[in-house]
Protein backbone atom coordinates (compact mmCIF):
# COMPACT_ATOMS: atom_id res chain seq x y z
CA MET A 1 -0.09 -0.18 0.26
CA LYS A 2 1.41 3.27 -0.57
CA THR A 3 0.65 4.86 2.92
CA ASP A 4 1.24 8.67 2.25
CA ASP A 5 -0.73 8.68 -0.79
CA PRO A 6 -3.23 5.73 -0.88
CA ARG A 7 -5.60 5.42 -3.67
CA ILE A 8 -8.90 2.74 -3.48
CA ILE A 9 -6.95 -0.06 -5.40
CA ASP A 10 -4.19 0.12 -2.26
CA LEU A 11 -7.34 0.05 0.30
CA LEU A 12 -9.78 -2.35 -1.60
CA GLY A 13 -10.43 -5.23 0.63
CA SER A 14 -7.94 -4.87 3.14
CA LYS A 15 -9.67 -6.15 6.43
CA CYS A 16 -11.45 -8.86 4.41
CA ASN A 17 -10.47 -12.10 5.08
CA SER A 18 -13.64 -13.53 3.67
CA GLU A 19 -16.34 -12.27 2.13
CA ALA A 20 -18.50 -12.55 5.29
CA ASP A 21 -16.24 -9.47 6.37
CA ALA A 22 -17.62 -7.15 3.53
CA LYS A 23 -20.07 -4.27 4.25
CA VAL A 24 -19.94 -3.54 -0.03
CA ALA A 25 -19.09 -5.75 -2.77
CA LEU A 26 -18.77 -4.54 -6.50
CA ILE A 27 -19.51 -7.00 -9.56
CA GLY A 28 -19.38 -6.47 -12.88
CA PHE A 29 -22.02 -7.51 -15.71
CA PRO A 30 -20.14 -6.96 -19.17
CA SER A 31 -22.74 -7.62 -21.22
CA ASP A 32 -24.23 -5.36 -24.64
CA LEU A 33 -26.29 -8.21 -26.17
CA GLY A 34 -29.62 -6.54 -24.60
CA VAL A 35 -28.15 -2.98 -26.08
CA ARG A 36 -27.86 -4.64 -29.60
CA ARG A 37 -31.09 -5.96 -29.34
CA ASN A 38 -32.44 -2.51 -28.82
CA LYS A 39 -30.46 -1.54 -31.87
CA GLY A 40 -28.03 0.58 -29.58
CA ARG A 41 -24.25 0.97 -30.31
CA ALA A 42 -22.05 -1.73 -29.17
CA GLY A 43 -19.48 -1.72 -26.70
CA ALA A 44 -21.05 -1.73 -22.80
CA ARG A 45 -19.41 -4.91 -22.54
CA LEU A 46 -16.35 -2.85 -22.21
CA ALA A 47 -17.78 -0.96 -19.39
CA PRO A 48 -17.19 -2.54 -15.89
CA SER A 49 -13.24 -2.65 -16.40
CA ALA A 50 -13.02 0.75 -17.79
CA ILE A 51 -14.77 2.06 -14.79
CA ARG A 52 -12.91 -0.06 -12.33
CA GLU A 53 -9.40 1.06 -13.93
CA LEU A 54 -10.54 4.62 -13.31
CA LEU A 55 -12.44 4.50 -9.99
CA PHE A 56 -9.50 2.44 -8.79
CA SER A 57 -7.17 4.94 -9.37
CA LEU A 58 -9.06 7.55 -7.28
CA ARG A 59 -8.25 8.68 -3.85
CA PRO A 60 -10.33 8.51 -0.71
CA ASP A 61 -11.84 11.85 0.20
CA VAL A 62 -9.58 13.92 2.49
CA THR A 63 -12.57 15.42 4.70
CA CYS A 64 -13.71 12.02 5.92
CA PHE A 65 -10.46 10.12 5.14
CA ASP A 66 -10.04 7.26 7.73
CA ALA A 67 -13.53 6.57 7.56
CA PHE A 68 -13.87 6.21 3.58
CA CYS A 69 -10.48 4.17 3.70
CA ALA A 70 -12.27 2.06 7.04
CA LEU A 71 -15.25 1.46 3.99
CA LEU A 72 -13.03 0.72 1.05
CA SER A 73 -11.00 -1.99 3.65
CA GLN A 74 -14.74 -3.64 4.10
CA THR A 75 -15.21 -3.27 0.18
CA ILE A 76 -14.58 -6.17 -2.18
CA ASP A 77 -14.38 -6.98 -5.75
CA LEU A 78 -15.84 -9.78 -7.14
CA GLY A 79 -15.00 -9.51 -10.64
CA ASP A 80 -17.25 -10.14 -13.59
CA ILE A 81 -20.26 -12.42 -14.05
CA PRO A 82 -19.26 -15.05 -16.83
CA ILE A 83 -21.65 -14.34 -19.39
CA THR A 84 -22.47 -16.60 -22.26
CA GLU A 85 -25.14 -14.24 -24.01
CA ASP A 86 -28.02 -16.77 -22.82
CA THR A 87 -30.29 -13.49 -21.50
CA ASP A 88 -31.76 -16.02 -19.06
CA LYS A 89 -28.79 -17.83 -17.89
CA ASP A 90 -26.66 -14.57 -17.27
CA HIS A 91 -29.55 -12.55 -15.63
CA ALA A 92 -30.41 -15.41 -13.39
CA ARG A 93 -26.86 -15.81 -12.78
CA LEU A 94 -26.44 -11.92 -11.74
CA GLY A 95 -29.59 -12.10 -9.55
CA GLU A 96 -28.12 -15.21 -7.72
CA GLU A 97 -25.22 -12.70 -6.95
CA VAL A 98 -27.49 -9.87 -5.71
CA GLU A 99 -29.43 -12.42 -3.54
CA ARG A 100 -26.80 -13.69 -1.86
CA LEU A 101 -24.87 -10.42 -0.85
CA LEU A 102 -28.35 -9.27 0.43
CA SER A 103 -28.95 -12.15 2.47
CA GLN A 104 -25.26 -11.16 4.29
CA GLY A 105 -26.12 -7.86 4.73
CA VAL A 106 -23.81 -6.26 1.67
CA VAL A 107 -24.83 -3.62 -0.39
CA PRO A 108 -24.12 -4.52 -3.90
CA ILE A 109 -22.53 -2.20 -6.17
CA ILE A 110 -22.86 -3.33 -10.26
CA LEU A 111 -21.50 -2.17 -13.21
CA GLY A 112 -22.93 -2.64 -16.24
CA GLY A 113 -23.39 -3.42 -19.27
CA GLY A 114 -26.50 -2.64 -21.15
CA HIS A 115 -29.51 -1.44 -18.82
CA ASP A 116 -30.89 -5.28 -19.04
CA THR A 117 -27.94 -5.69 -16.18
CA SER A 118 -31.46 -3.97 -14.07
CA PHE A 119 -33.56 -6.89 -14.59
CA GLY A 120 -30.89 -9.38 -13.46
CA HIS A 121 -30.23 -7.08 -10.52
CA PHE A 122 -33.99 -6.90 -9.58
CA LEU A 123 -33.99 -10.86 -9.84
CA GLY A 124 -31.78 -10.66 -6.83
CA TYR A 125 -34.84 -9.29 -4.69
CA ALA A 126 -37.11 -11.73 -6.33
CA ARG A 127 -35.15 -14.94 -5.27
CA ALA A 128 -34.79 -13.32 -1.94
CA LYS A 129 -38.51 -12.50 -1.94
CA ARG A 130 -38.39 -9.25 -1.15
CA SER A 131 -40.45 -6.08 -1.95
CA VAL A 132 -38.43 -3.54 -3.72
CA SER A 133 -38.80 -0.57 -5.43
CA VAL A 134 -36.69 1.62 -8.45
CA CYS A 135 -35.19 4.88 -8.75
CA ASN A 136 -33.80 5.00 -12.17
CA TRP A 137 -32.31 8.21 -13.31
CA ASP A 138 -32.48 7.81 -17.37
CA ALA A 139 -33.59 9.73 -20.39
CA HIS A 140 -35.65 6.64 -21.44
CA ALA A 141 -38.49 4.91 -19.29
CA ASP A 142 -37.07 1.59 -20.54
CA VAL A 143 -40.64 -0.35 -20.08
CA LYS A 144 -40.52 -1.32 -23.77
CA ARG A 145 -41.90 -4.52 -24.74
CA LYS A 146 -39.60 -7.85 -25.29
CA VAL A 147 -38.19 -7.94 -28.85
CA ASP A 148 -39.10 -11.66 -30.52
CA GLY A 149 -39.87 -12.51 -27.18
CA GLU A 150 -36.10 -12.04 -25.72
CA ARG A 151 -35.40 -9.16 -23.08
CA HIS A 152 -33.09 -6.31 -24.27
CA SER A 153 -31.64 -2.80 -22.41
CA GLY A 154 -35.11 -1.24 -23.54
CA SER A 155 -37.21 -3.35 -21.38
CA PRO A 156 -35.87 -4.05 -17.68
CA PHE A 157 -38.62 -2.28 -15.69
CA ARG A 158 -41.72 -4.00 -17.81
CA ASP A 159 -39.71 -7.10 -17.41
CA ALA A 160 -39.49 -6.44 -13.69
CA PHE A 161 -43.20 -5.25 -13.04
CA GLU A 162 -44.88 -8.36 -15.09
CA HIS A 163 -42.43 -10.73 -13.40
CA GLU A 164 -44.53 -13.32 -11.88
CA SER A 165 -43.24 -12.51 -8.05
CA GLY A 166 -44.98 -9.17 -8.29
CA LEU A 167 -42.51 -7.77 -6.32
CA LEU A 168 -41.57 -4.27 -7.82
CA GLN A 169 -43.56 -2.42 -5.67
CA HIS A 170 -43.02 1.17 -7.43
CA TYR A 171 -41.03 2.18 -10.41
CA THR A 172 -39.08 6.17 -10.43
CA VAL A 173 -37.59 7.47 -13.57
CA ALA A 174 -35.82 10.74 -13.21
CA GLY A 175 -34.71 12.57 -16.16
CA LEU A 176 -36.93 11.38 -18.61
CA PHE A 177 -37.21 12.94 -22.47
CA ARG A 178 -40.71 13.84 -23.59
CA HIS A 179 -39.76 12.58 -27.04
CA ASN A 180 -37.85 9.39 -25.81
CA ILE A 181 -40.97 7.22 -24.82
CA SER A 182 -43.93 6.39 -27.26
CA LEU A 183 -47.57 7.16 -26.36
CA GLU A 184 -48.29 3.24 -25.73
CA ASN A 185 -45.64 2.99 -23.02
CA TYR A 186 -46.55 6.19 -21.48
CA GLU A 187 -50.09 4.78 -20.92
CA TYR A 188 -48.11 1.65 -19.67
CA LEU A 189 -46.49 3.79 -17.01
CA LYS A 190 -49.42 5.58 -16.34
CA ARG A 191 -51.35 2.36 -15.25
CA MET A 192 -48.33 0.87 -13.03
CA SER A 193 -47.10 2.30 -10.07
CA ASN A 194 -44.67 4.76 -10.69
CA SER A 195 -43.62 8.51 -10.58
CA VAL A 196 -42.30 10.29 -13.99
CA PHE A 197 -39.69 13.33 -13.43
CA TRP A 198 -39.10 14.82 -17.11
CA ASN A 199 -35.84 16.29 -18.10
CA ASP A 200 -36.57 19.90 -17.65
CA GLN A 201 -37.81 18.73 -13.80
CA VAL A 202 -34.39 17.31 -12.51
CA ASP A 203 -31.77 19.64 -10.77
CA THR A 204 -30.42 19.54 -7.20
CA ASP A 205 -33.23 21.56 -5.97
CA SER A 206 -35.31 18.42 -6.81
CA LEU A 207 -33.23 15.58 -5.72
CA SER A 208 -34.87 14.89 -2.10
CA SER A 209 -38.30 14.97 -3.53
CA ILE A 210 -37.93 12.66 -5.94
CA TYR A 211 -36.74 9.97 -3.59
CA ALA A 212 -39.22 10.66 -1.38
CA THR A 213 -41.73 8.95 -3.99
CA LEU A 214 -40.08 5.64 -3.24
CA PRO A 215 -41.86 3.57 -0.45
CA GLY A 216 -39.55 1.45 1.62
CA ASP A 217 -36.38 -0.34 0.47
CA TYR A 218 -35.12 0.80 -3.73
CA PHE A 219 -32.36 0.03 -5.88
CA ALA A 220 -30.80 3.26 -7.51
CA THR A 221 -30.03 2.65 -11.18
CA PHE A 222 -27.64 5.21 -12.89
CA ASP A 223 -28.14 4.78 -16.84
CA LEU A 224 -25.16 7.71 -18.00
CA ASP A 225 -27.39 8.67 -21.33
CA ALA A 226 -29.37 10.67 -18.54
CA LEU A 227 -26.68 12.95 -18.54
CA ASP A 228 -26.09 15.56 -21.44
CA PRO A 229 -23.52 14.20 -24.04
CA ALA A 230 -21.70 17.53 -23.75
CA TYR A 231 -20.42 15.70 -20.15
CA ALA A 232 -21.13 12.02 -21.58
CA PRO A 233 -20.82 11.15 -25.25
CA GLY A 234 -19.76 7.62 -24.48
CA VAL A 235 -23.31 5.86 -24.34
CA SER A 236 -25.12 3.24 -25.84
CA ALA A 237 -27.83 5.41 -27.05
CA ARG A 238 -27.38 6.31 -30.38
CA SER A 239 -28.52 10.10 -30.63
CA PRO A 240 -27.92 10.92 -26.98
CA ALA A 241 -30.19 13.61 -26.17
CA SER A 242 -29.03 17.37 -25.42
CA GLY A 243 -30.77 19.20 -22.50
CA GLY A 244 -30.19 16.20 -19.96
CA MET A 245 -28.78 16.23 -16.58
CA LYS A 246 -25.90 18.09 -15.15
CA PRO A 247 -23.04 16.29 -13.72
CA GLU A 248 -24.21 18.36 -10.43
CA ALA A 249 -27.48 17.12 -10.03
CA TRP A 250 -26.20 13.67 -11.16
CA LEU A 251 -23.35 13.20 -8.71
CA GLN A 252 -25.13 14.20 -5.73
CA ALA A 253 -27.93 12.12 -6.56
CA ALA A 254 -25.55 8.97 -6.04
CA ARG A 255 -23.95 10.58 -3.00
CA ILE A 256 -27.68 10.57 -1.53
CA ALA A 257 -28.72 6.86 -2.61
CA GLY A 258 -25.58 6.34 -0.73
CA ALA A 259 -26.41 7.94 2.35
CA ASP A 260 -30.24 6.55 2.40
CA VAL A 261 -30.24 3.81 4.25
CA ARG A 262 -33.41 2.43 2.02
CA CYS A 263 -31.00 2.00 -1.06
CA THR A 264 -29.73 -1.69 -0.48
CA SER A 265 -28.09 -1.79 -3.57
CA PHE A 266 -26.92 0.54 -6.93
CA ASP A 267 -26.08 -0.05 -10.72
CA ILE A 268 -24.38 1.80 -13.25
CA VAL A 269 -25.41 1.17 -16.62
CA GLU A 270 -24.89 1.91 -20.85
CA LEU A 271 -21.07 3.38 -20.48
CA ASN A 272 -19.61 2.77 -23.88
CA PRO A 273 -15.73 3.33 -23.86
CA ARG A 274 -15.90 2.53 -27.92
CA PHE A 275 -17.59 6.16 -28.25
CA ASP A 276 -16.01 8.07 -25.16
CA GLN A 277 -14.14 11.59 -25.64
CA ASP A 278 -10.85 11.53 -23.61
CA ASP A 279 -12.40 8.91 -21.31
CA HIS A 280 -14.85 12.06 -19.99
CA THR A 281 -17.44 9.64 -19.66
CA ILE A 282 -15.44 6.68 -17.88
CA ARG A 283 -14.60 9.47 -15.36
CA LEU A 284 -18.03 10.40 -14.51
CA ALA A 285 -19.05 7.04 -14.51
CA ALA A 286 -16.23 6.23 -12.11
CA PHE A 287 -17.05 9.65 -10.02
CA THR A 288 -20.65 8.23 -9.86
CA VAL A 289 -19.69 5.08 -7.60
CA TRP A 290 -17.20 7.62 -5.70
CA HIS A 291 -19.73 9.61 -4.68
CA PHE A 292 -22.14 6.30 -3.92
CA LEU A 293 -19.47 5.14 -1.46
CA LEU A 294 -18.90 8.63 -0.29
CA GLY A 295 -22.86 8.56 1.10
CA LEU A 296 -22.22 5.07 2.07
CA VAL A 297 -19.63 6.41 4.40
CA GLU A 298 -21.81 8.89 5.21
CA ARG A 299 -24.41 6.19 6.12
CA PHE A 300 -22.47 3.97 8.28
CA ALA A 301 -20.96 6.53 10.21
CA THR A 302 -24.32 7.34 11.33
């Protein structure tokens, strides 16, 4: 370890002799099959390793240095889920990992992958027979129908609503663009238990009210195409929408989720390193995880 200037990689898991000692676990889901089915740009499978590389080079927050280091010492990296490109098997495998971690009181941080990552994420709660809500920071609602009977990156939350478990309690989407949702999908959202915040309703002042819509435990999912492409050009969407979220609100949303005891897991999705510019989007993805960890520091310190 660099004792004079430690980075996250130097501290990660340093006090974990086994998984039972962990408070937080990173899991990668390096799949973009769902993106390709949804006619997005392939490349999200490269995201988990890209996020790790930049995240691990960051420093703990010096304003809460000891507490941040202590959290990192109980944060483990479980590597990537082996991807077979059999969607059902891959999502089920992710669900098994999430269920196992939740049962041990560990907070999963999932590095996607396309947004169908969130369906595998949800399966962890379904397997555990735990009701859960979802807070989705996204320019899209992702409640499309399946394509030829197959799940994809645009369908995870319809898939979760219609799962046989019936355990998706509430769905909040924040950052949605009006031109990114069909009338049929909007009518579907209105019929289901949900809250919608359009892109022009999301800023630093609205974050608390957005999280307040969620009853009980929830998982937070951060789709990088919710950000304005000036800040995040490297995403799966073929036409990222100008006018998206600014990093200040986005990063604060991640920190609030980390600090909220009701947020029991987290994922970040749709990073596409192939289309990034000077690593801007990769850095924002890594900073997002860092801010969620900072929120966890605040949570565990209370």
